[in-house]
C-alpha atoms as a PDB file:
ATOM      1  CA  UNK A   1      34.245  29.819 294.091  1.00  0.00           C
ATOM      2  CA  UNK A   2      35.420  33.246 295.141  1.00  0.00           C
ATOM      3  CA  UNK A   3      36.220  33.731 298.165  1.00  0.00           C
ATOM      4  CA  UNK A   4      36.187  37.009 300.365  1.00  0.00           C
ATOM      5  CA  UNK A   5      39.435  38.700 301.951  1.00  0.00           C
ATOM      6  CA  UNK A   6      39.757  37.521 305.512  1.00  0.00           C
ATOM      7  CA  UNK A   7      38.820  40.786 307.993  1.00  0.00           C
ATOM      8  CA  UNK A   8      41.348  41.146 310.744  1.00  0.00           C
ATOM      9  CA  UNK A   9      39.963  41.854 314.145  1.00  0.00           C
ATOM     10  CA  UNK A  10      39.717  45.399 315.189  1.00  0.00           C
ATOM     11  CA  UNK A  11      40.960  46.614 318.439  1.00  0.00           C
ATOM     12  CA  UNK A  12      39.433  49.264 320.750  1.00  0.00           C
ATOM     13  CA  UNK A  13      40.684  50.415 324.237  1.00  0.00           C
ATOM     14  CA  UNK A  14      37.852  51.007 326.924  1.00  0.00           C
ATOM     15  CA  UNK A  15      36.929  54.229 328.927  1.00  0.00           C
ATOM     16  CA  UNK A  16      39.205  53.768 332.541  1.00  0.00           C
ATOM     17  CA  UNK A  17      36.896  53.035 335.472  1.00  0.00           C
ATOM     18  CA  UNK A  18      38.093  51.803 338.831  1.00  0.00           C
ATOM     19  CA  UNK A  19      39.939  49.069 339.142  1.00  0.00           C
ATOM     20  CA  UNK A  20      37.851  46.156 341.065  1.00  0.00           C
ATOM     21  CA  UNK A  21      41.129  44.308 342.338  1.00  0.00           C
ATOM     22  CA  UNK A  22      43.648  47.762 343.384  1.00  0.00           C
ATOM     23  CA  UNK A  23      41.941  50.405 345.421  1.00  0.00           C
ATOM     24  CA  UNK A  24      42.047  53.979 344.358  1.00  0.00           C
ATOM     25  CA  UNK A  25      43.320  52.400 340.855  1.00  0.00           C
ATOM     26  CA  UNK A  26      41.881  53.238 337.160  1.00  0.00           C
ATOM     27  CA  UNK A  27      41.687  50.201 334.796  1.00  0.00           C
ATOM     28  CA  UNK A  28      41.049  50.391 331.120  1.00  0.00           C
ATOM     29  CA  UNK A  29      41.023  47.090 328.883  1.00  0.00           C
ATOM     30  CA  UNK A  30      41.919  45.924 325.136  1.00  0.00           C
ATOM     31  CA  UNK A  31      39.393  44.440 323.558  1.00  0.00           C
ATOM     32  CA  UNK A  32      37.849  42.766 320.336  1.00  0.00           C
ATOM     33  CA  UNK A  33      34.994  41.080 319.093  1.00  0.00           C
ATOM     34  CA  UNK A  34      34.771  37.350 318.747  1.00  0.00           C
ATOM     35  CA  UNK A  35      32.709  36.078 316.106  1.00  0.00           C
ATOM     36  CA  UNK A  36      32.294  34.143 312.647  1.00  0.00           C
ATOM     37  CA  UNK A  37      33.785  30.813 311.515  1.00  0.00           C
ATOM     38  CA  UNK A  38      37.374  32.171 313.048  1.00  0.00           C
ATOM     39  CA  UNK A  39      35.865  32.218 316.575  1.00  0.00           C
ATOM     40  CA  UNK A  40      38.120  29.638 317.727  1.00  0.00           C
ATOM     41  CA  UNK A  41      40.935  30.250 316.275  1.00  0.00           C
ATOM     42  CA  UNK A  42      41.082  33.528 317.181  1.00  0.00           C
ATOM     43  CA  UNK A  43      39.984  32.456 320.721  1.00  0.00           C
ATOM     44  CA  UNK A  44      43.132  30.199 321.307  1.00  0.00           C
ATOM     45  CA  UNK A  45      45.646  32.258 319.784  1.00  0.00           C
ATOM     46  CA  UNK A  46      44.563  35.624 322.050  1.00  0.00           C
ATOM     47  CA  UNK A  47      43.789  33.308 324.981  1.00  0.00           C
ATOM     48  CA  UNK A  48      47.510  31.898 324.668  1.00  0.00           C
ATOM     49  CA  UNK A  49      48.569  35.663 324.735  1.00  0.00           C
ATOM     50  CA  UNK A  50      46.822  36.577 328.173  1.00  0.00           C
ATOM     51  CA  UNK A  51      43.243  37.669 326.743  1.00  0.00           C
ATOM     52  CA  UNK A  52      40.174  36.872 328.285  1.00  0.00           C
ATOM     53  CA  UNK A  53      36.472  35.798 327.411  1.00  0.00           C
ATOM     54  CA  UNK A  54      33.837  37.273 328.372  1.00  0.00           C
ATOM     55  CA  UNK A  55      30.611  35.971 326.338  1.00  0.00           C
ATOM     56  CA  UNK A  56      31.290  37.651 322.447  1.00  0.00           C
ATOM     57  CA  UNK A  57      34.434  39.618 323.259  1.00  0.00           C
ATOM     58  CA  UNK A  58      38.122  39.068 324.419  1.00  0.00           C
ATOM     59  CA  UNK A  59      40.413  41.383 326.312  1.00  0.00           C
ATOM     60  CA  UNK A  60      43.020  42.182 328.160  1.00  0.00           C
ATOM     61  CA  UNK A  61      43.959  44.583 331.463  1.00  0.00           C
ATOM     62  CA  UNK A  62      45.891  47.950 329.146  1.00  0.00           C
ATOM     63  CA  UNK A  63      46.324  50.329 331.865  1.00  0.00           C
ATOM     64  CA  UNK A  64      47.856  53.432 331.164  1.00  0.00           C
ATOM     65  CA  UNK A  65      50.581  53.882 334.319  1.00  0.00           C
ATOM     66  CA  UNK A  66      49.874  50.082 336.130  1.00  0.00           C
ATOM     67  CA  UNK A  67      50.978  46.237 335.124  1.00  0.00           C
ATOM     68  CA  UNK A  68      49.849  44.656 337.800  1.00  0.00           C
ATOM     69  CA  UNK A  69      47.247  41.916 336.456  1.00  0.00           C
ATOM     70  CA  UNK A  70      48.648  39.258 335.366  1.00  0.00           C
ATOM     71  CA  UNK A  71      47.359  36.566 333.358  1.00  0.00           C
ATOM     72  CA  UNK A  72      47.527  33.053 334.944  1.00  0.00           C
ATOM     73  CA  UNK A  73      47.234  29.341 334.379  1.00  0.00           C
ATOM     74  CA  UNK A  74      48.207  25.853 335.471  1.00  0.00           C
ATOM     75  CA  UNK A  75      51.045  24.141 333.670  1.00  0.00           C
ATOM     76  CA  UNK A  76      49.193  20.358 334.503  1.00  0.00           C
ATOM     77  CA  UNK A  77      52.296  18.482 334.237  1.00  0.00           C
ATOM     78  CA  UNK A  78      54.168  20.380 336.564  1.00  0.00           C
ATOM     79  CA  UNK A  79      51.529  20.606 339.096  1.00  0.00           C
ATOM     80  CA  UNK A  80      51.491  18.642 342.359  1.00  0.00           C
ATOM     81  CA  UNK A  81      48.785  18.944 344.851  1.00  0.00           C
ATOM     82  CA  UNK A  82      49.598  20.056 348.630  1.00  0.00           C
ATOM     83  CA  UNK A  83      48.569  18.511 351.784  1.00  0.00           C
ATOM     84  CA  UNK A  84      45.904  21.439 352.095  1.00  0.00           C
ATOM     85  CA  UNK A  85      44.303  20.459 348.673  1.00  0.00           C
ATOM     86  CA  UNK A  86      44.299  16.820 348.981  1.00  0.00           C
ATOM     87  CA  UNK A  87      42.064  17.246 352.052  1.00  0.00           C
ATOM     88  CA  UNK A  88      40.045  19.757 349.787  1.00  0.00           C
ATOM     89  CA  UNK A  89      39.493  16.781 347.244  1.00  0.00           C
ATOM     90  CA  UNK A  90      39.080  14.642 350.271  1.00  0.00           C
ATOM     91  CA  UNK A  91      36.206  16.861 351.656  1.00  0.00           C
ATOM     92  CA  UNK A  92      34.905  16.765 348.411  1.00  0.00           C
ATOM     93  CA  UNK A  93      34.505  13.349 347.799  1.00  0.00           C
ATOM     94  CA  UNK A  94      30.832  13.002 347.559  1.00  0.00           C
ATOM     95  CA  UNK A  95      30.313  15.682 344.835  1.00  0.00           C
ATOM     96  CA  UNK A  96      29.191  14.400 341.354  1.00  0.00           C
ATOM     97  CA  UNK A  97      30.360  16.355 338.355  1.00  0.00           C
ATOM     98  CA  UNK A  98      28.370  16.386 335.229  1.00  0.00           C
ATOM     99  CA  UNK A  99      29.106  18.768 331.708  1.00  0.00           C
ATOM    100  CA  UNK A 100      26.088  20.251 330.136  1.00  0.00           C
ATOM    101  CA  UNK A 101      25.974  22.912 326.942  1.00  0.00           C
ATOM    102  CA  UNK A 102      26.314  26.098 328.012  1.00  0.00           C
ATOM    103  CA  UNK A 103      22.259  26.771 328.799  1.00  0.00           C
ATOM    104  CA  UNK A 104      21.353  28.497 332.025  1.00  0.00           C
ATOM    105  CA  UNK A 105      19.283  27.611 334.413  1.00  0.00           C
ATOM    106  CA  UNK A 106      17.009  28.614 337.372  1.00  0.00           C
ATOM    107  CA  UNK A 107      19.143  26.690 339.850  1.00  0.00           C
ATOM    108  CA  UNK A 108      22.055  27.988 338.511  1.00  0.00           C
ATOM    109  CA  UNK A 109      20.602  31.132 338.656  1.00  0.00           C
ATOM    110  CA  UNK A 110      19.321  30.758 342.769  1.00  0.00           C
ATOM    111  CA  UNK A 111      22.931  29.715 343.439  1.00  0.00           C
ATOM    112  CA  UNK A 112      24.641  32.665 341.871  1.00  0.00           C
ATOM    113  CA  UNK A 113      22.793  34.984 343.786  1.00  0.00           C
ATOM    114  CA  UNK A 114      22.958  33.187 346.994  1.00  0.00           C
ATOM    115  CA  UNK A 115      26.943  33.190 345.777  1.00  0.00           C
ATOM    116  CA  UNK A 116      27.095  37.353 344.847  1.00  0.00           C
ATOM    117  CA  UNK A 117      25.439  38.408 348.028  1.00  0.00           C
ATOM    118  CA  UNK A 118      27.546  36.240 350.279  1.00  0.00           C
ATOM    119  CA  UNK A 119      30.728  36.968 348.397  1.00  0.00           C
ATOM    120  CA  UNK A 120      30.511  40.037 346.561  1.00  0.00           C
ATOM    121  CA  UNK A 121      27.624  41.746 347.034  1.00  0.00           C
ATOM    122  CA  UNK A 122      29.491  45.091 346.302  1.00  0.00           C
ATOM    123  CA  UNK A 123      30.939  44.061 343.344  1.00  0.00           C
ATOM    124  CA  UNK A 124      30.645  44.523 339.875  1.00  0.00           C
ATOM    125  CA  UNK A 125      28.055  41.744 339.043  1.00  0.00           C
ATOM    126  CA  UNK A 126      25.993  42.116 342.142  1.00  0.00           C
ATOM    127  CA  UNK A 127      22.583  43.382 340.602  1.00  0.00           C
ATOM    128  CA  UNK A 128      23.157  41.147 337.289  1.00  0.00           C
ATOM    129  CA  UNK A 129      19.665  39.773 336.531  1.00  0.00           C
ATOM    130  CA  UNK A 130      18.359  36.643 335.600  1.00  0.00           C
ATOM    131  CA  UNK A 131      18.553  37.904 331.608  1.00  0.00           C
ATOM    132  CA  UNK A 132      22.377  39.483 331.898  1.00  0.00           C
ATOM    133  CA  UNK A 133      23.005  35.589 333.552  1.00  0.00           C
ATOM    134  CA  UNK A 134      21.687  34.041 330.587  1.00  0.00           C
ATOM    135  CA  UNK A 135      23.462  35.991 328.707  1.00  0.00           C
ATOM    136  CA  UNK A 136      26.841  35.371 330.614  1.00  0.00           C
ATOM    137  CA  UNK A 137      26.186  31.912 329.889  1.00  0.00           C
ATOM    138  CA  UNK A 138      24.327  31.228 326.811  1.00  0.00           C
ATOM    139  CA  UNK A 139      26.384  33.979 324.682  1.00  0.00           C
ATOM    140  CA  UNK A 140      29.116  31.960 323.390  1.00  0.00           C
ATOM    141  CA  UNK A 141      30.552  31.301 320.001  1.00  0.00           C
ATOM    142  CA  UNK A 142      33.088  28.650 320.675  1.00  0.00           C
ATOM    143  CA  UNK A 143      33.425  25.448 322.574  1.00  0.00           C
ATOM    144  CA  UNK A 144      32.352  25.820 326.061  1.00  0.00           C
ATOM    145  CA  UNK A 145      30.351  24.194 329.021  1.00  0.00           C
ATOM    146  CA  UNK A 146      28.775  24.704 332.219  1.00  0.00           C
ATOM    147  CA  UNK A 147      30.267  21.808 334.708  1.00  0.00           C
ATOM    148  CA  UNK A 148      28.105  21.344 337.235  1.00  0.00           C
ATOM    149  CA  UNK A 149      28.811  19.619 341.143  1.00  0.00           C
ATOM    150  CA  UNK A 150      26.363  18.522 342.631  1.00  0.00           C
ATOM    151  CA  UNK A 151      25.494  16.307 346.454  1.00  0.00           C
ATOM    152  CA  UNK A 152      25.829  13.127 345.287  1.00  0.00           C
ATOM    153  CA  UNK A 153      22.827  12.022 348.168  1.00  0.00           C
ATOM    154  CA  UNK A 154      20.528  15.146 347.418  1.00  0.00           C
ATOM    155  CA  UNK A 155      21.421  15.990 344.174  1.00  0.00           C
ATOM    156  CA  UNK A 156      21.437  19.806 345.587  1.00  0.00           C
ATOM    157  CA  UNK A 157      23.337  21.956 343.138  1.00  0.00           C
ATOM    158  CA  UNK A 158      26.891  23.347 345.141  1.00  0.00           C
ATOM    159  CA  UNK A 159      28.739  24.469 342.230  1.00  0.00           C
ATOM    160  CA  UNK A 160      29.301  25.710 338.443  1.00  0.00           C
ATOM    161  CA  UNK A 161      31.740  26.826 336.185  1.00  0.00           C
ATOM    162  CA  UNK A 162      31.558  28.341 332.868  1.00  0.00           C
ATOM    163  CA  UNK A 163      34.771  26.695 331.029  1.00  0.00           C
ATOM    164  CA  UNK A 164      36.109  27.264 327.438  1.00  0.00           C
ATOM    165  CA  UNK A 165      37.628  24.001 325.940  1.00  0.00           C
ATOM    166  CA  UNK A 166      40.950  25.971 324.213  1.00  0.00           C
ATOM    167  CA  UNK A 167      43.136  23.954 322.040  1.00  0.00           C
ATOM    168  CA  UNK A 168      45.697  23.622 324.598  1.00  0.00           C
ATOM    169  CA  UNK A 169      43.647  23.483 327.658  1.00  0.00           C
ATOM    170  CA  UNK A 170      40.224  24.585 329.893  1.00  0.00           C
ATOM    171  CA  UNK A 171      39.688  28.168 330.538  1.00  0.00           C
ATOM    172  CA  UNK A 172      37.747  28.594 333.710  1.00  0.00           C
ATOM    173  CA  UNK A 173      35.979  31.752 332.469  1.00  0.00           C
ATOM    174  CA  UNK A 174      33.379  31.749 336.246  1.00  0.00           C
ATOM    175  CA  UNK A 175      32.505  29.926 338.724  1.00  0.00           C
ATOM    176  CA  UNK A 176      30.477  29.638 341.887  1.00  0.00           C
ATOM    177  CA  UNK A 177      29.120  27.774 344.720  1.00  0.00           C
ATOM    178  CA  UNK A 178      27.261  27.331 347.617  1.00  0.00           C
ATOM    179  CA  UNK A 179      28.124  30.146 350.583  1.00  0.00           C
ATOM    180  CA  UNK A 180      27.373  27.532 353.211  1.00  0.00           C
ATOM    181  CA  UNK A 181      30.131  25.075 352.691  1.00  0.00           C
ATOM    182  CA  UNK A 182      33.099  27.307 354.112  1.00  0.00           C
ATOM    183  CA  UNK A 183      34.901  24.447 355.125  1.00  0.00           C
ATOM    184  CA  UNK A 184      35.146  22.276 351.508  1.00  0.00           C
ATOM    185  CA  UNK A 185      37.029  25.303 350.024  1.00  0.00           C
ATOM    186  CA  UNK A 186      35.053  24.721 346.824  1.00  0.00           C
ATOM    187  CA  UNK A 187      36.621  27.496 344.980  1.00  0.00           C
ATOM    188  CA  UNK A 188      40.124  25.629 345.617  1.00  0.00           C
ATOM    189  CA  UNK A 189      38.375  22.029 344.726  1.00  0.00           C
ATOM    190  CA  UNK A 190      36.849  23.418 341.154  1.00  0.00           C
ATOM    191  CA  UNK A 191      40.347  24.438 340.260  1.00  0.00           C
ATOM    192  CA  UNK A 192      41.780  21.464 341.340  1.00  0.00           C
ATOM    193  CA  UNK A 193      38.978  19.119 339.438  1.00  0.00           C
ATOM    194  CA  UNK A 194      39.568  21.457 336.481  1.00  0.00           C
ATOM    195  CA  UNK A 195      43.084  20.363 336.693  1.00  0.00           C
ATOM    196  CA  UNK A 196      42.097  16.491 336.426  1.00  0.00           C
ATOM    197  CA  UNK A 197      39.693  17.295 333.853  1.00  0.00           C
ATOM    198  CA  UNK A 198      42.889  18.640 331.465  1.00  0.00           C
ATOM    199  CA  UNK A 199      44.765  15.811 332.299  1.00  0.00           C
ATOM    200  CA  UNK A 200      42.197  13.700 331.689  1.00  0.00           C
ATOM    201  CA  UNK A 201      41.726  15.188 328.311  1.00  0.00           C
ATOM    202  CA  UNK A 202      45.610  15.219 327.400  1.00  0.00           C
ATOM    203  CA  UNK A 203      45.866  19.075 327.185  1.00  0.00           C
ATOM    204  CA  UNK A 204      48.141  20.725 328.943  1.00  0.00           C
ATOM    205  CA  UNK A 205      47.142  24.046 331.053  1.00  0.00           C
ATOM    206  CA  UNK A 206      43.768  25.226 333.031  1.00  0.00           C
ATOM    207  CA  UNK A 207      43.415  29.489 332.646  1.00  0.00           C
ATOM    208  CA  UNK A 208      42.479  31.307 335.716  1.00  0.00           C
ATOM    209  CA  UNK A 209      42.022  34.539 334.748  1.00  0.00           C
ATOM    210  CA  UNK A 210      44.141  37.320 336.525  1.00  0.00           C
ATOM    211  CA  UNK A 211      46.431  36.864 339.408  1.00  0.00           C
ATOM    212  CA  UNK A 212      47.072  40.191 340.812  1.00  0.00           C
ATOM    213  CA  UNK A 213      50.316  40.415 343.160  1.00  0.00           C
ATOM    214  CA  UNK A 214      49.229  41.530 346.756  1.00  0.00           C
ATOM    215  CA  UNK A 215      45.562  41.478 346.411  1.00  0.00           C
ATOM    216  CA  UNK A 216      43.994  39.700 349.149  1.00  0.00           C
ATOM    217  CA  UNK A 217      41.356  38.171 346.607  1.00  0.00           C
ATOM    218  CA  UNK A 218      43.995  36.497 343.812  1.00  0.00           C
ATOM    219  CA  UNK A 219      46.132  35.475 346.382  1.00  0.00           C
ATOM    220  CA  UNK A 220      45.157  31.544 346.131  1.00  0.00           C
ATOM    221  CA  UNK A 221      45.762  31.161 342.695  1.00  0.00           C
ATOM    222  CA  UNK A 222      49.434  31.568 343.783  1.00  0.00           C
ATOM    223  CA  UNK A 223      48.940  28.257 346.122  1.00  0.00           C
ATOM    224  CA  UNK A 224      48.834  25.854 343.027  1.00  0.00           C
ATOM    225  CA  UNK A 225      52.016  24.421 341.773  1.00  0.00           C
ATOM    226  CA  UNK A 226      52.997  24.663 338.107  1.00  0.00           C
ATOM    227  CA  UNK A 227      51.472  28.664 337.952  1.00  0.00           C
ATOM    228  CA  UNK A 228      52.706  30.158 335.197  1.00  0.00           C
ATOM    229  CA  UNK A 229      51.993  34.403 334.300  1.00  0.00           C
ATOM    230  CA  UNK A 230      51.776  36.018 330.741  1.00  0.00           C
ATOM    231  CA  UNK A 231      54.542  38.828 331.200  1.00  0.00           C
ATOM    232  CA  UNK A 232      56.692  40.878 328.609  1.00  0.00           C
ATOM    233  CA  UNK A 233      54.462  38.705 325.902  1.00  0.00           C
ATOM    234  CA  UNK A 234      55.647  35.320 327.323  1.00  0.00           C
ATOM    235  CA  UNK A 235      54.774  33.193 329.976  1.00  0.00           C
ATOM    236  CA  UNK A 236      56.693  32.760 332.702  1.00  0.00           C
ATOM    237  CA  UNK A 237      56.834  30.399 335.681  1.00  0.00           C
ATOM    238  CA  UNK A 238      55.659  31.465 339.436  1.00  0.00           C
ATOM    239  CA  UNK A 239      59.014  31.259 341.210  1.00  0.00           C
ATOM    240  CA  UNK A 240      57.888  32.756 344.665  1.00  0.00           C
ATOM    241  CA  UNK A 241      54.754  35.370 344.631  1.00  0.00           C
ATOM    242  CA  UNK A 242      56.089  37.445 347.316  1.00  0.00           C
ATOM    243  CA  UNK A 243      59.088  38.854 344.319  1.00  0.00           C
ATOM    244  CA  UNK A 244      56.001  39.904 342.503  1.00  0.00           C
ATOM    245  CA  UNK A 245      55.232  43.582 343.150  1.00  0.00           C
ATOM    246  CA  UNK A 246      52.250  45.636 341.703  1.00  0.00           C
ATOM    247  CA  UNK A 247      53.885  47.459 338.603  1.00  0.00           C
ATOM    248  CA  UNK A 248      52.377  51.088 338.706  1.00  0.00           C
ATOM    249  CA  UNK A 249      54.267  53.798 336.821  1.00  0.00           C
ATOM    250  CA  UNK A 250      53.642  56.304 333.422  1.00  0.00           C
ATOM    251  CA  UNK A 251      55.465  53.892 331.932  1.00  0.00           C
ATOM    252  CA  UNK A 252      54.314  50.491 332.139  1.00  0.00           C
ATOM    253  CA  UNK A 253      52.855  49.619 329.450  1.00  0.00           C
ATOM    254  CA  UNK A 254      53.704  50.256 325.795  1.00  0.00           C
ATOM    255  CA  UNK A 255      51.023  52.446 323.943  1.00  0.00           C
ATOM    256  CA  UNK A 256      48.362  50.659 322.653  1.00  0.00           C
ATOM    257  CA  UNK A 257      49.312  50.728 318.889  1.00  0.00           C
ATOM    258  CA  UNK A 258      52.352  49.035 319.575  1.00  0.00           C
ATOM    259  CA  UNK A 259      50.445  46.514 321.697  1.00  0.00           C
ATOM    260  CA  UNK A 260      48.124  45.418 319.034  1.00  0.00           C
ATOM    261  CA  UNK A 261      50.990  45.403 316.515  1.00  0.00           C
ATOM    262  CA  UNK A 262      53.175  42.965 318.775  1.00  0.00           C
ATOM    263  CA  UNK A 263      49.711  40.856 318.807  1.00  0.00           C
ATOM    264  CA  UNK A 264      50.086  37.176 317.318  1.00  0.00           C
ATOM    265  CA  UNK A 265      47.414  36.323 315.009  1.00  0.00           C
ATOM    266  CA  UNK A 266      45.938  33.483 313.808  1.00  0.00           C
ATOM    267  CA  UNK A 267      45.585  32.599 309.895  1.00  0.00           C
ATOM    268  CA  UNK A 268      42.195  33.983 309.360  1.00  0.00           C
ATOM    269  CA  UNK A 269      41.912  32.694 305.313  1.00  0.00           C
ATOM    270  CA  UNK A 270      38.410  31.127 304.446  1.00  0.00           C
ATOM    271  CA  UNK A 271      38.209  27.658 303.931  1.00  0.00           C
ATOM    272  CA  UNK A 272      38.135  26.496 300.629  1.00  0.00           C
ATOM    273  CA  UNK A 273      35.035  24.628 298.902  1.00  0.00           C
END
């Protein structure tokens, strides 16, 4: 049987728009479509090179004059909880975890709206309606799960995380939780629980998204031991977050053509029948 030649992914760049992390800066993203029978291979490969997934798209920052956004992941074998993190685990011991297929529910959307209205009322997702929410959860061409956290006594939905299962770890695509329990540290708890999920599955990493030096919104990620950041086409251990600086200069990044040329792609050959 003849096979058509595999089509290499095509990469594009978004138009500049205001950066959500650094005031007064403009952001630009390099992205490609995630589709077809090789979607898992492509997602695994590009996630290991600093890309993130949003529905059927993989992207990473590619700003012309800034290189502050660094992809971050936790090396599970090197993670040791702090006293504060151990207290967070104890505070949430009454929560039950349930993993489901990526299917949106009304309860999830209600919790999502309460979370945004309380924590990110002026953010880019503030106007997301129920259909856009469903698309965020359900439009995934790879192995994804919705991890729900419920109160053991009331069965009330307390937290949710859309999680991708990669070849070398779990990727926390987006999480949200009730704003009514600030003392519980639910955002940190969901990360801590994903470290346990990865450990139980024998997966070495938990991918957290991006970390930005000096950004208060991102500061919590640097508090997890075993953290690594992607810089210069390689992962590096996070030693002292205070030694990282926001990198903004006209020559911060290579030209787009060079960036694309340096991306390592998986074998996209069609399966033989």
